[in-house]
Amino acid sequence: MNTYEYKVAWCTICNQGWVEIVKDRTTKKLFVCCSECESEWDSPDNVKSKDLATQDTFGQIDRPNYDEIVQRGWEKYILKK
């Protein structure tokens, strides 16, 4: 499995990690999170905005399956390379 299978952007906060689509383990809500600094955004649309980044808003994360991402309409954000 590709470690950054659902990456959507390079983090503008830390400039050291990939922002990926992830899922809150408890609520099952999808959001995006940096693999390094753990900055979070509620939507891939907001990743470019440092002002909209949060930390510890969501709980423990799980990897969503691709169908969950498609249901949310976020597959278009996944970087191919």
C-alpha atoms as a PDB file:
ATOM      1  CA  MET A   1       0.000   0.000   0.000  1.00  0.00           C
ATOM      2  CA  ASN A   2       1.216   3.483  -0.830  1.00  0.00           C
ATOM      3  CA  THR A   3       2.006   5.380   2.371  1.00  0.00           C
ATOM      4  CA  TYR A   4       0.577   8.622   0.973  1.00  0.00           C
ATOM      5  CA  GLU A   5      -2.171   7.078  -1.126  1.00  0.00           C
ATOM      6  CA  TYR A   6      -4.660   9.893  -0.462  1.00  0.00           C
ATOM      7  CA  LYS A   7      -2.350  12.918  -0.491  1.00  0.00           C
ATOM      8  CA  VAL A   8      -3.927  16.180  -1.607  1.00  0.00           C
ATOM      9  CA  ALA A   9      -1.221  18.821  -1.026  1.00  0.00           C
ATOM     10  CA  TRP A  10       2.156  19.608   0.465  1.00  0.00           C
ATOM     11  CA  CYS A  11       1.683  21.211   3.890  1.00  0.00           C
ATOM     12  CA  THR A  12       1.859  25.010   3.869  1.00  0.00           C
ATOM     13  CA  ILE A  13       2.199  25.097   7.666  1.00  0.00           C
ATOM     14  CA  CYS A  14       5.364  23.029   8.215  1.00  0.00           C
ATOM     15  CA  ASN A  15       6.569  22.529   4.634  1.00  0.00           C
ATOM     16  CA  GLN A  16       7.672  19.020   5.674  1.00  0.00           C
ATOM     17  CA  GLY A  17       4.739  16.663   5.124  1.00  0.00           C
ATOM     18  CA  TRP A  18       1.900  15.577   2.902  1.00  0.00           C
ATOM     19  CA  VAL A  19      -1.659  16.598   3.683  1.00  0.00           C
ATOM     20  CA  GLU A  20      -3.796  13.479   3.336  1.00  0.00           C
ATOM     21  CA  ILE A  21      -7.456  12.570   3.460  1.00  0.00           C
ATOM     22  CA  VAL A  22      -8.071  10.735   6.717  1.00  0.00           C
ATOM     23  CA  LYS A  23     -11.063   9.704   8.832  1.00  0.00           C
ATOM     24  CA  ASP A  24     -11.890  10.362  12.479  1.00  0.00           C
ATOM     25  CA  ARG A  25     -12.008   6.934  14.108  1.00  0.00           C
ATOM     26  CA  THR A  26     -15.016   7.763  16.320  1.00  0.00           C
ATOM     27  CA  THR A  27     -17.209  10.009  14.165  1.00  0.00           C
ATOM     28  CA  LYS A  28     -16.130   8.559  10.787  1.00  0.00           C
ATOM     29  CA  LYS A  29     -15.941  12.158   9.473  1.00  0.00           C
ATOM     30  CA  LEU A  30     -13.424  12.730   6.692  1.00  0.00           C
ATOM     31  CA  PHE A  31     -10.937  15.573   6.978  1.00  0.00           C
ATOM     32  CA  VAL A  32      -7.386  16.286   5.826  1.00  0.00           C
ATOM     33  CA  CYS A  33      -4.305  16.180   8.031  1.00  0.00           C
ATOM     34  CA  CYS A  34      -0.567  16.784   7.614  1.00  0.00           C
ATOM     35  CA  SER A  35       1.537  13.649   8.100  1.00  0.00           C
ATOM     36  CA  GLU A  36       4.246  15.655   9.901  1.00  0.00           C
ATOM     37  CA  CYS A  37       2.855  18.573  11.943  1.00  0.00           C
ATOM     38  CA  GLU A  38      -0.687  17.142  12.262  1.00  0.00           C
ATOM     39  CA  SER A  39      -2.349  20.371  11.149  1.00  0.00           C
ATOM     40  CA  GLU A  40      -5.947  19.640  10.171  1.00  0.00           C
ATOM     41  CA  TRP A  41      -8.486  21.129   7.805  1.00  0.00           C
ATOM     42  CA  ASP A  42     -12.134  20.135   7.481  1.00  0.00           C
ATOM     43  CA  SER A  43     -11.909  20.132   3.677  1.00  0.00           C
ATOM     44  CA  PRO A  44      -9.230  19.850   0.980  1.00  0.00           C
ATOM     45  CA  ASP A  45     -10.555  23.206  -0.291  1.00  0.00           C
ATOM     46  CA  ASN A  46      -9.098  24.892   2.795  1.00  0.00           C
ATOM     47  CA  VAL A  47      -5.555  23.479   2.779  1.00  0.00           C
ATOM     48  CA  LYS A  48      -4.011  26.599   1.250  1.00  0.00           C
ATOM     49  CA  SER A  49      -5.370  28.739   4.106  1.00  0.00           C
ATOM     50  CA  LYS A  50      -3.123  28.726   7.170  1.00  0.00           C
ATOM     51  CA  ASP A  51      -5.855  30.595   9.073  1.00  0.00           C
ATOM     52  CA  LEU A  52      -8.252  27.654   8.724  1.00  0.00           C
ATOM     53  CA  ALA A  53      -5.817  25.037  10.042  1.00  0.00           C
ATOM     54  CA  THR A  54      -6.542  23.478  13.435  1.00  0.00           C
ATOM     55  CA  GLN A  55      -4.929  20.907  15.693  1.00  0.00           C
ATOM     56  CA  ASP A  56      -6.588  18.327  17.913  1.00  0.00           C
ATOM     57  CA  THR A  57     -10.073  19.182  16.623  1.00  0.00           C
ATOM     58  CA  PHE A  58     -10.564  15.613  15.476  1.00  0.00           C
ATOM     59  CA  GLY A  59      -9.802  12.395  17.319  1.00  0.00           C
ATOM     60  CA  GLN A  60      -7.654   9.430  16.406  1.00  0.00           C
ATOM     61  CA  ILE A  61      -7.413   8.856  12.693  1.00  0.00           C
ATOM     62  CA  ASP A  62      -8.005   5.903  10.414  1.00  0.00           C
ATOM     63  CA  ARG A  63      -7.396   5.537   6.710  1.00  0.00           C
ATOM     64  CA  PRO A  64     -10.677   5.832   4.799  1.00  0.00           C
ATOM     65  CA  ASN A  65     -11.421   3.515   1.920  1.00  0.00           C
ATOM     66  CA  TYR A  66     -11.660   4.937  -1.569  1.00  0.00           C
ATOM     67  CA  ASP A  67     -15.457   4.539  -1.698  1.00  0.00           C
ATOM     68  CA  GLU A  68     -15.839   6.827   1.328  1.00  0.00           C
ATOM     69  CA  ILE A  69     -13.737   9.457  -0.433  1.00  0.00           C
ATOM     70  CA  VAL A  70     -15.811   9.153  -3.614  1.00  0.00           C
ATOM     71  CA  GLN A  71     -19.063   9.481  -1.616  1.00  0.00           C
ATOM     72  CA  ARG A  72     -17.749  12.768  -0.219  1.00  0.00           C
ATOM     73  CA  GLY A  73     -16.696  13.940  -3.712  1.00  0.00           C
ATOM     74  CA  TRP A  74     -13.056  14.331  -2.685  1.00  0.00           C
ATOM     75  CA  GLU A  75     -11.431  11.916  -5.151  1.00  0.00           C
ATOM     76  CA  LYS A  76     -10.726  14.880  -7.450  1.00  0.00           C
ATOM     77  CA  TYR A  77      -8.303  16.298  -4.845  1.00  0.00           C
ATOM     78  CA  ILE A  78      -6.037  13.228  -4.703  1.00  0.00           C
ATOM     79  CA  LEU A  79      -2.691  13.920  -6.323  1.00  0.00           C
ATOM     80  CA  LYS A  80      -1.718  11.362  -8.936  1.00  0.00           C
ATOM     81  CA  LYS A  81       2.064  11.873  -8.675  1.00  0.00           C
END
